[in-house]
Amino acid sequence: MTSKFLRVLLATAVTFAISALAQTGSAATPSSPAATPANPSSAAPATTGLSTGTKVGAINIQEAIFGSNEGQRDLQGLQKKFEPKQNELKGQNDELEGLKKQLTAQQDKLNEEALATLKKQIEAKQKVFDRSVQDAQEDFGNQNQEIATRILQKMAPMIVKYSQENGFGMIVDTSKPWPQSNVLWWGEAIDITKAVVDGYNVQSGVAAPAAAAPKPAAPKPAGTAKPAAPKPTEPPK
């Protein structure tokens, strides 16, 4: 369970950002910079016909948000904030695993009453642990979504401005791999993610955060690569 929690804890940086963006729909492509709403969840669909560009571009919104200096800084801060909870859950899990090993080793030696007591103890601690993991995941996810939404509100006008200045008539979001999205394949030449991130870093004035120390116990979340894409998409470390 500990490794599962660690995996989900890191993966929520991707999952909740994508969930927020799926709800906002066109928040990243309003008809003009002034059209970016205070609450992206209430964003209106983009108005067509305002751009004379003919090119189609692609942007990985999730990668742009958490690849920016501000996104990396805030995500690292959130992960640091949750380290005490992570350590607490590890302690609970270690205690639970110890009881399970005790049950396996002594179940043929204990009398019925002692065996029943040990099983009830394990069951009770398992329920508490599972609930604690669920609460921590939800709390982490909610705060992560707040980060993504806040940055997206400021980044959306930049995406529109860059697209209009460079002749793009449409920008598609490639955060989700096909078939979760309608984008089957795209070429690196039309991807504007890096350009937007570079521009946003200048606008925000946030310095690049120090690289976070690697955590061997936390495996990479599954399903973050972009199938059929020129390069993989992974959440920034």
C-alpha atoms as a PDB file:
ATOM      1  CA  MET A   1       0.000   0.000   0.000  1.00  0.00           C
ATOM      2  CA  THR A   2       2.860   2.404   0.665  1.00  0.00           C
ATOM      3  CA  SER A   3       4.224   2.109  -2.846  1.00  0.00           C
ATOM      4  CA  LYS A   4       0.715   2.536  -4.205  1.00  0.00           C
ATOM      5  CA  PHE A   5       0.281   5.727  -2.221  1.00  0.00           C
ATOM      6  CA  LEU A   6       3.623   7.087  -3.394  1.00  0.00           C
ATOM      7  CA  ARG A   7       2.746   6.284  -6.998  1.00  0.00           C
ATOM      8  CA  VAL A   8      -0.635   7.974  -6.803  1.00  0.00           C
ATOM      9  CA  LEU A   9       0.792  10.922  -4.880  1.00  0.00           C
ATOM     10  CA  LEU A  10       3.118  11.717  -7.767  1.00  0.00           C
ATOM     11  CA  ALA A  11       0.637  10.782 -10.472  1.00  0.00           C
ATOM     12  CA  THR A  12      -1.992  13.214  -9.183  1.00  0.00           C
ATOM     13  CA  ALA A  13       0.159  16.026 -10.496  1.00  0.00           C
ATOM     14  CA  VAL A  14      -0.833  14.780 -13.918  1.00  0.00           C
ATOM     15  CA  THR A  15      -4.270  13.374 -13.245  1.00  0.00           C
ATOM     16  CA  PHE A  16      -5.841  16.342 -11.533  1.00  0.00           C
ATOM     17  CA  ALA A  17      -4.334  18.856 -13.898  1.00  0.00           C
ATOM     18  CA  ILE A  18      -5.845  16.981 -16.811  1.00  0.00           C
ATOM     19  CA  SER A  19      -9.179  16.640 -14.994  1.00  0.00           C
ATOM     20  CA  ALA A  20      -9.288  20.373 -14.381  1.00  0.00           C
ATOM     21  CA  LEU A  21      -8.480  21.108 -18.002  1.00  0.00           C
ATOM     22  CA  ALA A  22     -11.065  18.649 -19.262  1.00  0.00           C
ATOM     23  CA  GLN A  23     -13.701  20.570 -17.288  1.00  0.00           C
ATOM     24  CA  THR A  24     -12.532  23.969 -18.496  1.00  0.00           C
ATOM     25  CA  GLY A  25     -12.757  22.933 -22.136  1.00  0.00           C
ATOM     26  CA  SER A  26     -11.713  26.080 -23.985  1.00  0.00           C
ATOM     27  CA  ALA A  27     -10.123  27.900 -21.077  1.00  0.00           C
ATOM     28  CA  ALA A  28      -6.758  27.715 -22.812  1.00  0.00           C
ATOM     29  CA  THR A  29      -8.120  29.168 -26.063  1.00  0.00           C
ATOM     30  CA  PRO A  30     -10.433  32.108 -25.311  1.00  0.00           C
ATOM     31  CA  SER A  31     -11.274  34.453 -28.153  1.00  0.00           C
ATOM     32  CA  SER A  32      -9.068  37.162 -26.672  1.00  0.00           C
ATOM     33  CA  PRO A  33      -6.810  37.644 -23.630  1.00  0.00           C
ATOM     34  CA  ALA A  34      -9.567  39.571 -21.884  1.00  0.00           C
ATOM     35  CA  ALA A  35     -11.881  36.591 -22.261  1.00  0.00           C
ATOM     36  CA  THR A  36      -9.968  34.483 -19.749  1.00  0.00           C
ATOM     37  CA  PRO A  37     -12.420  34.083 -16.839  1.00  0.00           C
ATOM     38  CA  ALA A  38     -11.562  34.265 -13.167  1.00  0.00           C
ATOM     39  CA  ASN A  39     -12.904  30.739 -12.845  1.00  0.00           C
ATOM     40  CA  PRO A  40     -11.864  28.518 -15.781  1.00  0.00           C
ATOM     41  CA  SER A  41     -14.598  26.003 -14.977  1.00  0.00           C
ATOM     42  CA  SER A  42     -17.122  28.561 -16.203  1.00  0.00           C
ATOM     43  CA  ALA A  43     -15.231  29.371 -19.397  1.00  0.00           C
ATOM     44  CA  ALA A  44     -17.285  29.912 -22.516  1.00  0.00           C
ATOM     45  CA  PRO A  45     -16.386  28.106 -25.758  1.00  0.00           C
ATOM     46  CA  ALA A  46     -13.847  29.892 -27.927  1.00  0.00           C
ATOM     47  CA  THR A  47     -15.285  32.168 -30.598  1.00  0.00           C
ATOM     48  CA  THR A  48     -14.261  31.284 -34.140  1.00  0.00           C
ATOM     49  CA  GLY A  49     -13.367  33.670 -36.904  1.00  0.00           C
ATOM     50  CA  LEU A  50     -11.129  36.009 -34.898  1.00  0.00           C
ATOM     51  CA  SER A  51      -7.819  34.681 -36.208  1.00  0.00           C
ATOM     52  CA  THR A  52      -6.532  34.908 -39.765  1.00  0.00           C
ATOM     53  CA  GLY A  53      -3.993  32.143 -39.214  1.00  0.00           C
ATOM     54  CA  THR A  54      -4.233  28.899 -41.128  1.00  0.00           C
ATOM     55  CA  LYS A  55      -1.769  26.670 -39.253  1.00  0.00           C
ATOM     56  CA  VAL A  56      -2.735  24.059 -36.687  1.00  0.00           C
ATOM     57  CA  GLY A  57      -0.603  23.873 -33.569  1.00  0.00           C
ATOM     58  CA  ALA A  58      -0.379  21.576 -30.576  1.00  0.00           C
ATOM     59  CA  ILE A  59       0.283  22.219 -26.905  1.00  0.00           C
ATOM     60  CA  ASN A  60       0.506  19.892 -23.939  1.00  0.00           C
ATOM     61  CA  ILE A  61      -1.256  22.049 -21.353  1.00  0.00           C
ATOM     62  CA  GLN A  62      -0.347  19.742 -18.477  1.00  0.00           C
ATOM     63  CA  GLU A  63       3.317  19.847 -19.475  1.00  0.00           C
ATOM     64  CA  ALA A  64       3.201  23.608 -19.960  1.00  0.00           C
ATOM     65  CA  ILE A  65       1.731  24.204 -16.499  1.00  0.00           C
ATOM     66  CA  PHE A  66       4.041  21.931 -14.551  1.00  0.00           C
ATOM     67  CA  GLY A  67       7.004  22.527 -16.834  1.00  0.00           C
ATOM     68  CA  SER A  68       6.987  26.238 -16.058  1.00  0.00           C
ATOM     69  CA  ASN A  69       9.201  27.540 -13.271  1.00  0.00           C
ATOM     70  CA  GLU A  70       6.140  28.524 -11.279  1.00  0.00           C
ATOM     71  CA  GLY A  71       4.509  25.137 -11.751  1.00  0.00           C
ATOM     72  CA  GLN A  72       7.654  23.242 -10.762  1.00  0.00           C
ATOM     73  CA  ARG A  73       8.160  25.453  -7.725  1.00  0.00           C
ATOM     74  CA  ASP A  74       4.593  25.102  -6.497  1.00  0.00           C
ATOM     75  CA  LEU A  75       4.483  21.361  -7.135  1.00  0.00           C
ATOM     76  CA  GLN A  76       7.727  20.828  -5.239  1.00  0.00           C
ATOM     77  CA  GLY A  77       6.320  22.907  -2.397  1.00  0.00           C
ATOM     78  CA  LEU A  78       3.155  20.812  -2.325  1.00  0.00           C
ATOM     79  CA  GLN A  79       5.094  17.554  -2.292  1.00  0.00           C
ATOM     80  CA  LYS A  80       7.272  18.900   0.521  1.00  0.00           C
ATOM     81  CA  LYS A  81       4.141  19.843   2.449  1.00  0.00           C
ATOM     82  CA  PHE A  82       2.851  16.287   2.195  1.00  0.00           C
ATOM     83  CA  GLU A  83       6.073  14.575   3.269  1.00  0.00           C
ATOM     84  CA  PRO A  84       5.006  14.343   6.964  1.00  0.00           C
ATOM     85  CA  LYS A  85       1.733  12.690   5.929  1.00  0.00           C
ATOM     86  CA  GLN A  86       3.629  10.344   3.627  1.00  0.00           C
ATOM     87  CA  ASN A  87       5.943   9.356   6.468  1.00  0.00           C
ATOM     88  CA  GLU A  88       2.971   8.866   8.770  1.00  0.00           C
ATOM     89  CA  LEU A  89       1.311   6.551   6.283  1.00  0.00           C
ATOM     90  CA  LYS A  90       4.540   4.627   5.826  1.00  0.00           C
ATOM     91  CA  GLY A  91       4.632   4.044   9.572  1.00  0.00           C
ATOM     92  CA  GLN A  92       1.037   2.819   9.574  1.00  0.00           C
ATOM     93  CA  ASN A  93       1.755   0.530   6.657  1.00  0.00           C
ATOM     94  CA  ASP A  94       4.872  -0.913   8.301  1.00  0.00           C
ATOM     95  CA  GLU A  95       2.871  -1.692  11.445  1.00  0.00           C
ATOM     96  CA  LEU A  96       0.132  -3.310   9.394  1.00  0.00           C
ATOM     97  CA  GLU A  97       2.576  -5.411   7.381  1.00  0.00           C
ATOM     98  CA  GLY A  98       4.206  -6.538  10.606  1.00  0.00           C
ATOM     99  CA  LEU A  99       0.890  -7.780  11.942  1.00  0.00           C
ATOM    100  CA  LYS A 100       0.178  -9.605   8.686  1.00  0.00           C
ATOM    101  CA  LYS A 101       3.542 -11.363   8.849  1.00  0.00           C
ATOM    102  CA  GLN A 102       2.807 -12.295  12.451  1.00  0.00           C
ATOM    103  CA  LEU A 103      -0.507 -13.790  11.386  1.00  0.00           C
ATOM    104  CA  THR A 104       1.146 -15.817   8.626  1.00  0.00           C
ATOM    105  CA  ALA A 105       3.857 -17.110  10.919  1.00  0.00           C
ATOM    106  CA  GLN A 106       1.665 -17.927  13.931  1.00  0.00           C
ATOM    107  CA  GLN A 107      -1.759 -18.799  12.574  1.00  0.00           C
ATOM    108  CA  ASP A 108      -1.112 -22.540  13.047  1.00  0.00           C
ATOM    109  CA  LYS A 109       0.129 -21.970  16.595  1.00  0.00           C
ATOM    110  CA  LEU A 110      -2.466 -19.558  18.009  1.00  0.00           C
ATOM    111  CA  ASN A 111      -5.694 -20.721  19.576  1.00  0.00           C
ATOM    112  CA  GLU A 112      -8.982 -19.675  18.006  1.00  0.00           C
ATOM    113  CA  GLU A 113      -9.527 -16.728  20.330  1.00  0.00           C
ATOM    114  CA  ALA A 114      -6.034 -15.280  19.836  1.00  0.00           C
ATOM    115  CA  LEU A 115      -6.260 -15.832  16.084  1.00  0.00           C
ATOM    116  CA  ALA A 116      -9.620 -14.055  15.890  1.00  0.00           C
ATOM    117  CA  THR A 117      -8.303 -11.137  17.937  1.00  0.00           C
ATOM    118  CA  LEU A 118      -5.279 -10.718  15.666  1.00  0.00           C
ATOM    119  CA  LYS A 119      -7.426 -10.855  12.539  1.00  0.00           C
ATOM    120  CA  LYS A 120      -9.791  -8.211  13.919  1.00  0.00           C
ATOM    121  CA  GLN A 121      -6.841  -6.006  14.821  1.00  0.00           C
ATOM    122  CA  ILE A 122      -5.485  -6.273  11.284  1.00  0.00           C
ATOM    123  CA  GLU A 123      -8.885  -5.585   9.762  1.00  0.00           C
ATOM    124  CA  ALA A 124      -9.419  -2.489  11.917  1.00  0.00           C
ATOM    125  CA  LYS A 125      -5.977  -1.062  11.155  1.00  0.00           C
ATOM    126  CA  GLN A 126      -6.411  -1.806   7.451  1.00  0.00           C
ATOM    127  CA  LYS A 127      -9.631   0.211   7.346  1.00  0.00           C
ATOM    128  CA  VAL A 128      -8.004   3.153   9.117  1.00  0.00           C
ATOM    129  CA  PHE A 129      -5.002   3.011   6.803  1.00  0.00           C
ATOM    130  CA  ASP A 130      -7.068   2.792   3.617  1.00  0.00           C
ATOM    131  CA  ARG A 131      -9.171   5.747   4.713  1.00  0.00           C
ATOM    132  CA  SER A 132      -6.071   7.783   5.557  1.00  0.00           C
ATOM    133  CA  VAL A 133      -4.576   7.075   2.126  1.00  0.00           C
ATOM    134  CA  GLN A 134      -7.815   8.090   0.391  1.00  0.00           C
ATOM    135  CA  ASP A 135      -8.071  11.325   2.380  1.00  0.00           C
ATOM    136  CA  ALA A 136      -4.437  12.197   1.653  1.00  0.00           C
ATOM    137  CA  GLN A 137      -4.874  11.538  -2.065  1.00  0.00           C
ATOM    138  CA  GLU A 138      -7.986  13.713  -2.242  1.00  0.00           C
ATOM    139  CA  ASP A 139      -6.350  16.522  -0.285  1.00  0.00           C
ATOM    140  CA  PHE A 140      -3.218  16.428  -2.439  1.00  0.00           C
ATOM    141  CA  GLY A 141      -5.297  16.292  -5.603  1.00  0.00           C
ATOM    142  CA  ASN A 142      -7.470  19.247  -4.642  1.00  0.00           C
ATOM    143  CA  GLN A 143      -4.487  21.431  -3.839  1.00  0.00           C
ATOM    144  CA  ASN A 144      -2.717  20.305  -7.003  1.00  0.00           C
ATOM    145  CA  GLN A 145      -5.774  21.224  -9.054  1.00  0.00           C
ATOM    146  CA  GLU A 146      -5.776  24.687  -7.486  1.00  0.00           C
ATOM    147  CA  ILE A 147      -2.185  25.173  -8.653  1.00  0.00           C
ATOM    148  CA  ALA A 148      -3.026  24.055 -12.197  1.00  0.00           C
ATOM    149  CA  THR A 149      -6.120  26.261 -12.429  1.00  0.00           C
ATOM    150  CA  ARG A 150      -4.334  29.348 -11.090  1.00  0.00           C
ATOM    151  CA  ILE A 151      -1.432  29.021 -13.518  1.00  0.00           C
ATOM    152  CA  LEU A 152      -3.710  28.233 -16.458  1.00  0.00           C
ATOM    153  CA  GLN A 153      -5.674  31.438 -15.891  1.00  0.00           C
ATOM    154  CA  LYS A 154      -2.483  33.452 -16.376  1.00  0.00           C
ATOM    155  CA  MET A 155      -1.055  31.281 -19.141  1.00  0.00           C
ATOM    156  CA  ALA A 156      -4.149  31.171 -21.387  1.00  0.00           C
ATOM    157  CA  PRO A 157      -3.801  34.738 -22.715  1.00  0.00           C
ATOM    158  CA  MET A 158      -0.190  33.993 -23.630  1.00  0.00           C
ATOM    159  CA  ILE A 159      -1.247  30.953 -25.638  1.00  0.00           C
ATOM    160  CA  VAL A 160      -3.761  33.062 -27.566  1.00  0.00           C
ATOM    161  CA  LYS A 161      -1.292  35.890 -28.171  1.00  0.00           C
ATOM    162  CA  TYR A 162       1.480  33.546 -29.321  1.00  0.00           C
ATOM    163  CA  SER A 163      -0.911  31.699 -31.636  1.00  0.00           C
ATOM    164  CA  GLN A 164      -2.224  34.870 -33.243  1.00  0.00           C
ATOM    165  CA  GLU A 165       1.247  36.337 -33.719  1.00  0.00           C
ATOM    166  CA  ASN A 166       2.539  33.154 -35.345  1.00  0.00           C
ATOM    167  CA  GLY A 167      -0.302  32.467 -37.750  1.00  0.00           C
ATOM    168  CA  PHE A 168      -2.056  29.613 -35.942  1.00  0.00           C
ATOM    169  CA  GLY A 169      -5.753  29.253 -36.627  1.00  0.00           C
ATOM    170  CA  MET A 170      -6.227  26.366 -34.189  1.00  0.00           C
ATOM    171  CA  ILE A 171      -4.379  24.925 -31.198  1.00  0.00           C
ATOM    172  CA  VAL A 172      -5.150  21.406 -29.936  1.00  0.00           C
ATOM    173  CA  ASP A 173      -4.375  20.117 -26.459  1.00  0.00           C
ATOM    174  CA  THR A 174      -2.292  16.945 -26.424  1.00  0.00           C
ATOM    175  CA  SER A 175      -2.262  16.386 -22.642  1.00  0.00           C
ATOM    176  CA  LYS A 176      -4.206  13.156 -22.978  1.00  0.00           C
ATOM    177  CA  PRO A 177      -3.016  10.303 -25.196  1.00  0.00           C
ATOM    178  CA  TRP A 178      -5.211   8.869 -27.897  1.00  0.00           C
ATOM    179  CA  PRO A 179      -7.871   7.430 -27.657  1.00  0.00           C
ATOM    180  CA  GLN A 180      -8.662   9.523 -24.562  1.00  0.00           C
ATOM    181  CA  SER A 181      -8.414  12.565 -26.809  1.00  0.00           C
ATOM    182  CA  ASN A 182      -9.219  13.066 -30.485  1.00  0.00           C
ATOM    183  CA  VAL A 183      -5.565  13.736 -31.377  1.00  0.00           C
ATOM    184  CA  LEU A 184      -4.053  10.587 -32.858  1.00  0.00           C
ATOM    185  CA  TRP A 185      -0.623  11.961 -33.776  1.00  0.00           C
ATOM    186  CA  TRP A 186       1.190  15.276 -34.039  1.00  0.00           C
ATOM    187  CA  GLY A 187       4.618  16.364 -35.186  1.00  0.00           C
ATOM    188  CA  GLU A 188       7.190  18.128 -33.054  1.00  0.00           C
ATOM    189  CA  ALA A 189       7.337  21.002 -35.532  1.00  0.00           C
ATOM    190  CA  ILE A 190       3.832  22.206 -34.598  1.00  0.00           C
ATOM    191  CA  ASP A 191       4.237  21.836 -30.824  1.00  0.00           C
ATOM    192  CA  ILE A 192       4.295  25.251 -29.132  1.00  0.00           C
ATOM    193  CA  THR A 193       4.596  23.964 -25.555  1.00  0.00           C
ATOM    194  CA  LYS A 194       8.216  25.015 -25.039  1.00  0.00           C
ATOM    195  CA  ALA A 195       7.685  28.427 -26.589  1.00  0.00           C
ATOM    196  CA  VAL A 196       4.749  29.089 -24.288  1.00  0.00           C
ATOM    197  CA  VAL A 197       6.656  27.865 -21.229  1.00  0.00           C
ATOM    198  CA  ASP A 198       9.669  30.040 -22.086  1.00  0.00           C
ATOM    199  CA  GLY A 199       7.443  33.084 -22.558  1.00  0.00           C
ATOM    200  CA  TYR A 200       5.506  32.401 -19.372  1.00  0.00           C
ATOM    201  CA  ASN A 201       8.721  32.063 -17.362  1.00  0.00           C
ATOM    202  CA  VAL A 202       9.765  35.526 -18.525  1.00  0.00           C
ATOM    203  CA  GLN A 203       6.340  36.975 -17.748  1.00  0.00           C
ATOM    204  CA  SER A 204       6.066  35.406 -14.289  1.00  0.00           C
ATOM    205  CA  GLY A 205       9.587  36.336 -13.240  1.00  0.00           C
ATOM    206  CA  VAL A 206       9.838  33.095 -11.243  1.00  0.00           C
ATOM    207  CA  ALA A 207      13.344  31.658 -11.206  1.00  0.00           C
ATOM    208  CA  ALA A 208      13.904  28.010 -12.045  1.00  0.00           C
ATOM    209  CA  PRO A 209      13.636  25.986  -8.816  1.00  0.00           C
ATOM    210  CA  ALA A 210      16.436  23.760  -7.639  1.00  0.00           C
ATOM    211  CA  ALA A 211      16.093  20.209  -8.898  1.00  0.00           C
ATOM    212  CA  ALA A 212      14.260  18.012  -6.419  1.00  0.00           C
ATOM    213  CA  ALA A 213      16.188  15.080  -4.998  1.00  0.00           C
ATOM    214  CA  PRO A 214      15.223  11.777  -6.673  1.00  0.00           C
ATOM    215  CA  LYS A 215      12.948   9.442  -4.733  1.00  0.00           C
ATOM    216  CA  PRO A 216      13.767   5.820  -5.662  1.00  0.00           C
ATOM    217  CA  ALA A 217      10.765   4.494  -3.747  1.00  0.00           C
ATOM    218  CA  ALA A 218       8.341   6.268  -6.054  1.00  0.00           C
ATOM    219  CA  PRO A 219       8.008   4.602  -9.466  1.00  0.00           C
ATOM    220  CA  LYS A 220       6.989   6.588 -12.511  1.00  0.00           C
ATOM    221  CA  PRO A 221       3.204   6.846 -12.920  1.00  0.00           C
ATOM    222  CA  ALA A 222       1.892   4.617 -15.665  1.00  0.00           C
ATOM    223  CA  GLY A 223       0.186   5.950 -18.742  1.00  0.00           C
ATOM    224  CA  THR A 224       1.891   9.347 -18.965  1.00  0.00           C
ATOM    225  CA  ALA A 225       3.666   8.716 -22.276  1.00  0.00           C
ATOM    226  CA  LYS A 226       2.181  10.053 -25.523  1.00  0.00           C
ATOM    227  CA  PRO A 227       1.595   7.073 -27.820  1.00  0.00           C
ATOM    228  CA  ALA A 228       2.559   7.688 -31.430  1.00  0.00           C
ATOM    229  CA  ALA A 229       4.090  11.047 -30.504  1.00  0.00           C
ATOM    230  CA  PRO A 230       7.605  12.159 -31.419  1.00  0.00           C
ATOM    231  CA  LYS A 231       8.628  12.513 -27.772  1.00  0.00           C
ATOM    232  CA  PRO A 232       7.374  11.143 -24.427  1.00  0.00           C
ATOM    233  CA  THR A 233       5.308  13.219 -22.070  1.00  0.00           C
ATOM    234  CA  GLU A 234       6.194  12.851 -18.412  1.00  0.00           C
ATOM    235  CA  PRO A 235       5.375  15.114 -15.485  1.00  0.00           C
ATOM    236  CA  PRO A 236       8.294  17.425 -14.688  1.00  0.00           C
ATOM    237  CA  LYS A 237      10.439  16.187 -11.883  1.00  0.00           C
END
